[in-house]
Amino acid sequence: MNTRIASDAERDVAASDDLLALENQVCFALAVAARGVIGLYRPILEPLGLTHPQYLVMLALWQRSPRTVRDLGSALQLEPATLSPLLKRLEAQGYLTRERSTRDERALDVSLTDAGRALRAQALEIPPQVVDRLGMSLDELGSLRDRLTEVIAAVQHTA
């Protein structure tokens, strides 16, 4: 009976071949990376009074305002039940308004207020701070974003 104990190197080789090894899981790498990157945003967004999900809403509105709630949810890939509380909080902060659409009274238009538009100038400082904290080049981050966009498309294609 061979009772030899495997060395660390042997265990590492075995783990690299194991389809169920934690470190081999794309889902694990994505989850840890997402938590880490979103965590980097927290102290940068706090002075603006925004959470990361609220920041994403504002980014979409800075691209185009007004937008319907449905269009905003589609752009952010969020369900109405998730988006509604974000919009209510941002409206309470004075950054946006929600009003029935004049084109379709079933739709709700979301528009930036003057304060919401003014916040954009402060937000211009966010991306450089994130890049600096990550310590990666713009090219590296652009490539990563492009690859993640491909992953998103692949996931949506299978859904």
N, C-alpha and C. Protein backbone atom coordinates (compact mmCIF):
# COMPACT_ATOMS: atom_id res chain seq x y z
N MET A 1 0.85 -1.18 0.00
CA MET A 1 0.00 0.00 0.00
C MET A 1 0.89 1.24 0.00
N ASN A 2 0.66 2.12 -0.98
CA ASN A 2 1.46 3.34 -1.11
C ASN A 2 0.77 4.46 -0.34
N THR A 3 1.41 4.95 0.69
CA THR A 3 0.82 6.00 1.53
C THR A 3 1.52 7.33 1.33
N ARG A 4 2.23 7.47 0.23
CA ARG A 4 2.95 8.71 -0.05
C ARG A 4 1.96 9.89 -0.11
N ILE A 5 2.33 10.99 0.48
CA ILE A 5 1.51 12.20 0.47
C ILE A 5 1.91 13.03 -0.75
N ALA A 6 0.91 13.49 -1.49
CA ALA A 6 1.17 14.29 -2.69
C ALA A 6 1.77 15.64 -2.31
N SER A 7 2.71 16.08 -3.11
CA SER A 7 3.33 17.39 -2.88
C SER A 7 2.38 18.49 -3.36
N ASP A 8 2.67 19.73 -2.95
CA ASP A 8 1.87 20.87 -3.40
C ASP A 8 1.85 20.95 -4.92
N ALA A 9 2.99 20.74 -5.56
CA ALA A 9 3.08 20.81 -7.02
C ALA A 9 2.21 19.74 -7.67
N GLU A 10 2.21 18.55 -7.10
CA GLU A 10 1.38 17.48 -7.65
C GLU A 10 -0.11 17.80 -7.49
N ARG A 11 -0.46 18.37 -6.35
CA ARG A 11 -1.87 18.76 -6.14
C ARG A 11 -2.26 19.87 -7.11
N ASP A 12 -1.36 20.82 -7.38
CA ASP A 12 -1.65 21.90 -8.32
C ASP A 12 -1.87 21.36 -9.72
N VAL A 13 -1.05 20.39 -10.15
CA VAL A 13 -1.22 19.78 -11.47
C VAL A 13 -2.55 19.05 -11.54
N ALA A 14 -2.89 18.31 -10.49
CA ALA A 14 -4.15 17.58 -10.46
C ALA A 14 -5.32 18.55 -10.51
N ALA A 15 -5.23 19.67 -9.77
CA ALA A 15 -6.31 20.66 -9.77
C ALA A 15 -6.48 21.32 -11.13
N SER A 16 -5.36 21.55 -11.83
CA SER A 16 -5.46 22.20 -13.14
C SER A 16 -6.15 21.31 -14.15
N ASP A 17 -6.15 19.99 -13.92
CA ASP A 17 -6.84 19.05 -14.81
C ASP A 17 -8.27 18.78 -14.37
N ASP A 18 -8.64 19.22 -13.17
CA ASP A 18 -9.95 18.94 -12.61
C ASP A 18 -10.98 19.93 -13.13
N LEU A 19 -11.96 19.44 -13.87
CA LEU A 19 -12.99 20.31 -14.43
C LEU A 19 -13.81 21.00 -13.34
N LEU A 20 -13.83 20.44 -12.15
CA LEU A 20 -14.61 21.02 -11.07
C LEU A 20 -13.76 21.79 -10.05
N ALA A 21 -12.50 21.98 -10.35
CA ALA A 21 -11.65 22.78 -9.45
C ALA A 21 -12.13 24.23 -9.48
N LEU A 22 -12.25 24.81 -8.32
CA LEU A 22 -12.75 26.18 -8.20
C LEU A 22 -11.99 27.14 -9.10
N GLU A 23 -10.67 27.05 -9.09
CA GLU A 23 -9.85 27.99 -9.88
C GLU A 23 -10.00 27.80 -11.38
N ASN A 24 -10.65 26.73 -11.81
CA ASN A 24 -10.88 26.50 -13.24
C ASN A 24 -12.24 27.02 -13.71
N GLN A 25 -13.02 27.57 -12.82
CA GLN A 25 -14.39 27.98 -13.14
C GLN A 25 -14.45 29.43 -13.62
N VAL A 26 -14.99 29.61 -14.81
CA VAL A 26 -15.20 30.96 -15.35
C VAL A 26 -16.15 31.74 -14.44
N CYS A 27 -17.19 31.08 -13.95
CA CYS A 27 -18.17 31.77 -13.10
C CYS A 27 -17.51 32.32 -11.84
N PHE A 28 -16.57 31.58 -11.28
CA PHE A 28 -15.88 32.04 -10.08
C PHE A 28 -15.02 33.27 -10.38
N ALA A 29 -14.25 33.19 -11.46
CA ALA A 29 -13.39 34.33 -11.84
C ALA A 29 -14.22 35.57 -12.12
N LEU A 30 -15.33 35.41 -12.83
CA LEU A 30 -16.19 36.55 -13.14
C LEU A 30 -16.82 37.13 -11.87
N ALA A 31 -17.28 36.27 -10.98
CA ALA A 31 -17.93 36.75 -9.75
C ALA A 31 -16.95 37.51 -8.87
N VAL A 32 -15.76 36.97 -8.70
CA VAL A 32 -14.76 37.63 -7.85
C VAL A 32 -14.30 38.94 -8.49
N ALA A 33 -14.08 38.93 -9.80
CA ALA A 33 -13.66 40.14 -10.50
C ALA A 33 -14.75 41.21 -10.41
N ALA A 34 -16.00 40.81 -10.62
CA ALA A 34 -17.11 41.78 -10.57
C ALA A 34 -17.22 42.41 -9.18
N ARG A 35 -17.17 41.57 -8.14
CA ARG A 35 -17.25 42.12 -6.77
C ARG A 35 -16.09 43.07 -6.51
N GLY A 36 -14.91 42.69 -6.95
CA GLY A 36 -13.73 43.52 -6.71
C GLY A 36 -13.80 44.86 -7.43
N VAL A 37 -14.19 44.83 -8.69
CA VAL A 37 -14.25 46.07 -9.47
C VAL A 37 -15.36 46.97 -8.93
N ILE A 38 -16.51 46.40 -8.64
CA ILE A 38 -17.60 47.21 -8.09
C ILE A 38 -17.19 47.79 -6.74
N GLY A 39 -16.44 47.02 -5.97
CA GLY A 39 -15.92 47.51 -4.70
C GLY A 39 -14.99 48.71 -4.86
N LEU A 40 -14.23 48.73 -5.96
CA LEU A 40 -13.35 49.88 -6.24
C LEU A 40 -14.16 51.16 -6.47
N TYR A 41 -15.33 51.01 -7.03
CA TYR A 41 -16.18 52.17 -7.32
C TYR A 41 -16.78 52.79 -6.06
N ARG A 42 -17.03 51.96 -5.04
CA ARG A 42 -17.76 52.45 -3.86
C ARG A 42 -17.18 53.75 -3.28
N PRO A 43 -15.90 53.80 -2.92
CA PRO A 43 -15.38 55.05 -2.33
C PRO A 43 -15.32 56.20 -3.33
N ILE A 44 -15.27 55.89 -4.60
CA ILE A 44 -15.24 56.95 -5.62
C ILE A 44 -16.64 57.55 -5.81
N LEU A 45 -17.67 56.71 -5.71
CA LEU A 45 -19.05 57.16 -5.92
C LEU A 45 -19.67 57.79 -4.68
N GLU A 46 -19.18 57.41 -3.50
CA GLU A 46 -19.78 57.91 -2.25
C GLU A 46 -19.87 59.43 -2.19
N PRO A 47 -18.81 60.18 -2.57
CA PRO A 47 -18.93 61.64 -2.51
C PRO A 47 -20.04 62.20 -3.41
N LEU A 48 -20.41 61.45 -4.45
CA LEU A 48 -21.49 61.88 -5.34
C LEU A 48 -22.85 61.43 -4.83
N GLY A 49 -22.86 60.62 -3.78
CA GLY A 49 -24.11 60.12 -3.24
C GLY A 49 -24.73 59.03 -4.09
N LEU A 50 -23.90 58.32 -4.85
CA LEU A 50 -24.41 57.28 -5.74
C LEU A 50 -23.89 55.90 -5.35
N THR A 51 -24.75 54.90 -5.53
CA THR A 51 -24.31 53.52 -5.47
C THR A 51 -23.90 53.12 -6.90
N HIS A 52 -23.25 51.98 -7.04
CA HIS A 52 -22.85 51.54 -8.37
C HIS A 52 -24.06 51.34 -9.30
N PRO A 53 -25.14 50.68 -8.86
CA PRO A 53 -26.31 50.56 -9.75
C PRO A 53 -26.90 51.92 -10.14
N GLN A 54 -26.92 52.87 -9.21
CA GLN A 54 -27.42 54.21 -9.54
C GLN A 54 -26.50 54.89 -10.55
N TYR A 55 -25.22 54.69 -10.42
CA TYR A 55 -24.24 55.24 -11.37
C TYR A 55 -24.52 54.70 -12.78
N LEU A 56 -24.83 53.42 -12.89
CA LEU A 56 -25.13 52.83 -14.20
C LEU A 56 -26.38 53.47 -14.80
N VAL A 57 -27.39 53.72 -13.98
CA VAL A 57 -28.60 54.40 -14.45
C VAL A 57 -28.23 55.79 -14.97
N MET A 58 -27.43 56.52 -14.20
CA MET A 58 -27.04 57.86 -14.61
C MET A 58 -26.23 57.82 -15.91
N LEU A 59 -25.34 56.85 -16.06
CA LEU A 59 -24.57 56.72 -17.31
C LEU A 59 -25.52 56.58 -18.50
N ALA A 60 -26.53 55.74 -18.35
CA ALA A 60 -27.49 55.53 -19.44
C ALA A 60 -28.26 56.81 -19.73
N LEU A 61 -28.61 57.56 -18.71
CA LEU A 61 -29.35 58.81 -18.91
C LEU A 61 -28.45 59.92 -19.46
N TRP A 62 -27.17 59.91 -19.12
CA TRP A 62 -26.26 60.90 -19.68
C TRP A 62 -26.06 60.64 -21.18
N GLN A 63 -26.23 59.40 -21.60
CA GLN A 63 -26.16 59.10 -23.03
C GLN A 63 -27.39 59.62 -23.75
N ARG A 64 -28.57 59.44 -23.11
CA ARG A 64 -29.81 59.89 -23.75
C ARG A 64 -30.88 60.11 -22.68
N SER A 65 -31.48 61.27 -22.72
CA SER A 65 -32.56 61.61 -21.80
C SER A 65 -33.51 62.54 -22.55
N PRO A 66 -34.81 62.30 -22.48
CA PRO A 66 -35.49 61.29 -21.68
C PRO A 66 -35.44 59.90 -22.34
N ARG A 67 -35.72 58.92 -21.50
CA ARG A 67 -35.85 57.53 -21.94
C ARG A 67 -37.04 56.94 -21.21
N THR A 68 -37.68 55.98 -21.83
CA THR A 68 -38.75 55.28 -21.11
C THR A 68 -38.11 54.32 -20.12
N VAL A 69 -38.88 53.95 -19.12
CA VAL A 69 -38.40 52.97 -18.15
C VAL A 69 -38.06 51.67 -18.87
N ARG A 70 -38.89 51.29 -19.83
CA ARG A 70 -38.65 50.06 -20.58
C ARG A 70 -37.32 50.13 -21.34
N ASP A 71 -37.06 51.25 -22.00
CA ASP A 71 -35.81 51.43 -22.74
C ASP A 71 -34.61 51.43 -21.80
N LEU A 72 -34.76 52.08 -20.68
CA LEU A 72 -33.69 52.13 -19.68
C LEU A 72 -33.41 50.72 -19.13
N GLY A 73 -34.45 49.98 -18.83
CA GLY A 73 -34.29 48.61 -18.34
C GLY A 73 -33.61 47.74 -19.37
N SER A 74 -33.95 47.93 -20.64
CA SER A 74 -33.33 47.16 -21.71
C SER A 74 -31.85 47.51 -21.83
N ALA A 75 -31.53 48.79 -21.79
CA ALA A 75 -30.14 49.23 -21.91
C ALA A 75 -29.29 48.70 -20.76
N LEU A 76 -29.87 48.67 -19.57
CA LEU A 76 -29.13 48.24 -18.37
C LEU A 76 -29.28 46.74 -18.09
N GLN A 77 -30.15 46.10 -18.87
CA GLN A 77 -30.44 44.68 -18.67
C GLN A 77 -30.93 44.42 -17.25
N LEU A 78 -31.88 45.27 -16.82
CA LEU A 78 -32.48 45.15 -15.49
C LEU A 78 -33.98 44.97 -15.62
N GLU A 79 -34.53 44.18 -14.73
CA GLU A 79 -35.98 43.98 -14.66
C GLU A 79 -36.61 45.22 -14.02
N PRO A 80 -37.88 45.51 -14.37
CA PRO A 80 -38.56 46.67 -13.76
C PRO A 80 -38.55 46.65 -12.24
N ALA A 81 -38.68 45.48 -11.64
CA ALA A 81 -38.70 45.39 -10.18
C ALA A 81 -37.37 45.81 -9.56
N THR A 82 -36.29 45.67 -10.29
CA THR A 82 -34.97 46.09 -9.82
C THR A 82 -34.74 47.57 -10.13
N LEU A 83 -35.19 47.99 -11.30
CA LEU A 83 -34.96 49.36 -11.76
C LEU A 83 -35.79 50.38 -11.00
N SER A 84 -37.05 50.06 -10.72
CA SER A 84 -37.95 51.03 -10.07
C SER A 84 -37.41 51.63 -8.78
N PRO A 85 -36.92 50.82 -7.84
CA PRO A 85 -36.39 51.43 -6.61
C PRO A 85 -35.17 52.33 -6.86
N LEU A 86 -34.35 51.96 -7.85
CA LEU A 86 -33.20 52.82 -8.19
C LEU A 86 -33.68 54.18 -8.68
N LEU A 87 -34.69 54.15 -9.56
CA LEU A 87 -35.22 55.40 -10.10
C LEU A 87 -35.87 56.25 -9.01
N LYS A 88 -36.59 55.61 -8.11
CA LYS A 88 -37.23 56.35 -7.01
C LYS A 88 -36.19 57.06 -6.15
N ARG A 89 -35.09 56.35 -5.84
CA ARG A 89 -34.04 56.96 -5.01
C ARG A 89 -33.36 58.12 -5.74
N LEU A 90 -33.09 57.93 -7.03
CA LEU A 90 -32.45 59.00 -7.81
C LEU A 90 -33.39 60.20 -7.97
N GLU A 91 -34.68 59.93 -8.06
CA GLU A 91 -35.66 61.02 -8.13
C GLU A 91 -35.69 61.77 -6.79
N ALA A 92 -35.65 61.04 -5.68
CA ALA A 92 -35.65 61.66 -4.35
C ALA A 92 -34.40 62.51 -4.15
N GLN A 93 -33.28 62.12 -4.80
CA GLN A 93 -32.05 62.90 -4.71
C GLN A 93 -32.07 64.11 -5.64
N GLY A 94 -33.08 64.20 -6.47
CA GLY A 94 -33.22 65.34 -7.36
C GLY A 94 -32.48 65.22 -8.68
N TYR A 95 -32.04 64.01 -9.04
CA TYR A 95 -31.27 63.82 -10.27
C TYR A 95 -32.13 63.51 -11.49
N LEU A 96 -33.37 63.05 -11.27
CA LEU A 96 -34.22 62.72 -12.41
C LEU A 96 -35.67 62.89 -12.05
N THR A 97 -36.51 62.90 -13.08
CA THR A 97 -37.95 62.91 -12.89
C THR A 97 -38.54 61.73 -13.64
N ARG A 98 -39.68 61.26 -13.16
CA ARG A 98 -40.43 60.20 -13.84
C ARG A 98 -41.83 60.74 -14.09
N GLU A 99 -42.23 60.73 -15.35
CA GLU A 99 -43.56 61.25 -15.72
C GLU A 99 -44.16 60.38 -16.80
N ARG A 100 -45.49 60.32 -16.81
CA ARG A 100 -46.19 59.59 -17.87
C ARG A 100 -45.83 60.19 -19.22
N SER A 101 -45.59 59.34 -20.18
CA SER A 101 -45.22 59.78 -21.52
C SER A 101 -46.41 60.45 -22.19
N THR A 102 -46.14 61.53 -22.90
CA THR A 102 -47.20 62.19 -23.67
C THR A 102 -47.51 61.39 -24.94
N ARG A 103 -46.57 60.55 -25.38
CA ARG A 103 -46.77 59.73 -26.59
C ARG A 103 -47.55 58.46 -26.29
N ASP A 104 -47.37 57.92 -25.09
CA ASP A 104 -48.02 56.66 -24.70
C ASP A 104 -48.20 56.69 -23.20
N GLU A 105 -49.44 56.88 -22.76
CA GLU A 105 -49.65 57.05 -21.32
C GLU A 105 -49.37 55.79 -20.50
N ARG A 106 -49.16 54.65 -21.16
CA ARG A 106 -48.76 53.44 -20.44
C ARG A 106 -47.27 53.48 -20.09
N ALA A 107 -46.52 54.32 -20.82
CA ALA A 107 -45.07 54.39 -20.62
C ALA A 107 -44.72 55.50 -19.64
N LEU A 108 -43.60 55.29 -18.96
CA LEU A 108 -43.10 56.28 -18.01
C LEU A 108 -41.78 56.82 -18.56
N ASP A 109 -41.71 58.13 -18.76
CA ASP A 109 -40.48 58.77 -19.23
C ASP A 109 -39.61 59.14 -18.04
N VAL A 110 -38.31 58.87 -18.18
CA VAL A 110 -37.33 59.24 -17.16
C VAL A 110 -36.44 60.30 -17.78
N SER A 111 -36.36 61.45 -17.12
CA SER A 111 -35.56 62.57 -17.63
C SER A 111 -34.62 63.09 -16.56
N LEU A 112 -33.48 63.54 -17.01
CA LEU A 112 -32.53 64.18 -16.09
C LEU A 112 -33.03 65.55 -15.68
N THR A 113 -32.76 65.92 -14.45
CA THR A 113 -33.01 67.28 -13.99
C THR A 113 -31.73 68.08 -14.24
N ASP A 114 -31.78 69.36 -13.96
CA ASP A 114 -30.56 70.18 -14.07
C ASP A 114 -29.46 69.62 -13.15
N ALA A 115 -29.86 69.20 -11.94
CA ALA A 115 -28.87 68.63 -11.01
C ALA A 115 -28.29 67.33 -11.56
N GLY A 116 -29.11 66.53 -12.21
CA GLY A 116 -28.63 65.28 -12.81
C GLY A 116 -27.67 65.54 -13.95
N ARG A 117 -27.97 66.55 -14.76
CA ARG A 117 -27.05 66.91 -15.85
C ARG A 117 -25.75 67.47 -15.29
N ALA A 118 -25.83 68.28 -14.24
CA ALA A 118 -24.63 68.88 -13.63
C ALA A 118 -23.73 67.82 -12.99
N LEU A 119 -24.33 66.75 -12.49
CA LEU A 119 -23.56 65.69 -11.85
C LEU A 119 -22.58 65.04 -12.84
N ARG A 120 -22.91 65.09 -14.11
CA ARG A 120 -22.05 64.47 -15.14
C ARG A 120 -20.63 65.05 -15.10
N ALA A 121 -20.53 66.36 -14.87
CA ALA A 121 -19.20 66.99 -14.83
C ALA A 121 -18.34 66.39 -13.72
N GLN A 122 -18.95 66.12 -12.57
CA GLN A 122 -18.21 65.49 -11.47
C GLN A 122 -17.87 64.05 -11.82
N ALA A 123 -18.77 63.38 -12.50
CA ALA A 123 -18.59 61.96 -12.84
C ALA A 123 -17.45 61.74 -13.83
N LEU A 124 -17.06 62.77 -14.55
CA LEU A 124 -15.95 62.63 -15.51
C LEU A 124 -14.65 62.22 -14.81
N GLU A 125 -14.58 62.46 -13.50
CA GLU A 125 -13.38 62.09 -12.73
C GLU A 125 -13.36 60.61 -12.34
N ILE A 126 -14.48 59.92 -12.50
CA ILE A 126 -14.58 58.52 -12.05
C ILE A 126 -13.74 57.56 -12.88
N PRO A 127 -13.90 57.51 -14.22
CA PRO A 127 -13.12 56.52 -14.99
C PRO A 127 -11.61 56.60 -14.79
N PRO A 128 -10.99 57.78 -14.78
CA PRO A 128 -9.53 57.79 -14.56
C PRO A 128 -9.12 57.23 -13.20
N GLN A 129 -9.95 57.47 -12.18
CA GLN A 129 -9.65 56.93 -10.85
C GLN A 129 -9.73 55.41 -10.85
N VAL A 130 -10.72 54.86 -11.54
CA VAL A 130 -10.86 53.40 -11.61
C VAL A 130 -9.68 52.80 -12.35
N VAL A 131 -9.32 53.40 -13.48
CA VAL A 131 -8.17 52.91 -14.26
C VAL A 131 -6.92 52.92 -13.39
N ASP A 132 -6.72 54.01 -12.66
CA ASP A 132 -5.55 54.13 -11.79
C ASP A 132 -5.54 53.05 -10.71
N ARG A 133 -6.69 52.83 -10.08
CA ARG A 133 -6.77 51.84 -9.00
C ARG A 133 -6.58 50.41 -9.51
N LEU A 134 -7.03 50.16 -10.74
CA LEU A 134 -6.85 48.81 -11.29
C LEU A 134 -5.42 48.57 -11.74
N GLY A 135 -4.70 49.63 -12.08
CA GLY A 135 -3.32 49.47 -12.51
C GLY A 135 -3.17 48.77 -13.84
N MET A 136 -4.18 48.89 -14.68
CA MET A 136 -4.15 48.29 -16.02
C MET A 136 -4.21 49.41 -17.05
N SER A 137 -3.67 49.14 -18.23
CA SER A 137 -3.69 50.15 -19.29
C SER A 137 -5.09 50.25 -19.89
N LEU A 138 -5.34 51.35 -20.57
CA LEU A 138 -6.62 51.52 -21.26
C LEU A 138 -6.81 50.44 -22.32
N ASP A 139 -5.73 50.05 -23.00
CA ASP A 139 -5.81 48.98 -24.00
C ASP A 139 -6.22 47.66 -23.35
N GLU A 140 -5.60 47.34 -22.20
CA GLU A 140 -5.94 46.09 -21.50
C GLU A 140 -7.40 46.10 -21.06
N LEU A 141 -7.83 47.22 -20.51
CA LEU A 141 -9.22 47.31 -20.04
C LEU A 141 -10.19 47.28 -21.21
N GLY A 142 -9.83 47.91 -22.32
CA GLY A 142 -10.68 47.87 -23.51
C GLY A 142 -10.81 46.46 -24.06
N SER A 143 -9.70 45.73 -24.08
CA SER A 143 -9.74 44.33 -24.52
C SER A 143 -10.58 43.48 -23.59
N LEU A 144 -10.45 43.70 -22.30
CA LEU A 144 -11.24 42.96 -21.32
C LEU A 144 -12.73 43.26 -21.52
N ARG A 145 -13.07 44.53 -21.67
CA ARG A 145 -14.47 44.91 -21.90
C ARG A 145 -15.01 44.24 -23.16
N ASP A 146 -14.20 44.24 -24.24
CA ASP A 146 -14.64 43.62 -25.49
C ASP A 146 -14.89 42.13 -25.31
N ARG A 147 -14.01 41.45 -24.59
CA ARG A 147 -14.17 40.01 -24.35
C ARG A 147 -15.41 39.74 -23.49
N LEU A 148 -15.62 40.58 -22.48
CA LEU A 148 -16.80 40.41 -21.63
C LEU A 148 -18.08 40.67 -22.42
N THR A 149 -18.03 41.62 -23.34
CA THR A 149 -19.18 41.89 -24.20
C THR A 149 -19.49 40.66 -25.05
N GLU A 150 -18.45 39.95 -25.50
CA GLU A 150 -18.65 38.70 -26.24
C GLU A 150 -19.28 37.64 -25.35
N VAL A 151 -18.85 37.57 -24.10
CA VAL A 151 -19.43 36.62 -23.16
C VAL A 151 -20.91 36.94 -22.95
N ILE A 152 -21.23 38.21 -22.76
CA ILE A 152 -22.61 38.63 -22.57
C ILE A 152 -23.45 38.22 -23.78
N ALA A 153 -22.94 38.47 -24.97
CA ALA A 153 -23.67 38.11 -26.20
C ALA A 153 -23.88 36.59 -26.28
N ALA A 154 -22.85 35.83 -25.93
CA ALA A 154 -22.97 34.37 -25.96
C ALA A 154 -24.02 33.89 -24.97
N VAL A 155 -24.05 34.47 -23.79
CA VAL A 155 -25.04 34.09 -22.78
C VAL A 155 -26.44 34.43 -23.26
N GLN A 156 -26.60 35.60 -23.85
CA GLN A 156 -27.92 36.02 -24.34
C GLN A 156 -28.37 35.15 -25.50
N HIS A 157 -27.42 34.68 -26.29
CA HIS A 157 -27.74 33.83 -27.43
C HIS A 157 -28.28 32.48 -26.97
N THR A 158 -27.80 31.99 -25.82
CA THR A 158 -28.23 30.69 -25.33
C THR A 158 -29.51 30.77 -24.51
N ALA A 159 -29.86 31.97 -24.09
CA ALA A 159 -31.06 32.13 -23.22
C ALA A 159 -32.34 32.00 -24.01
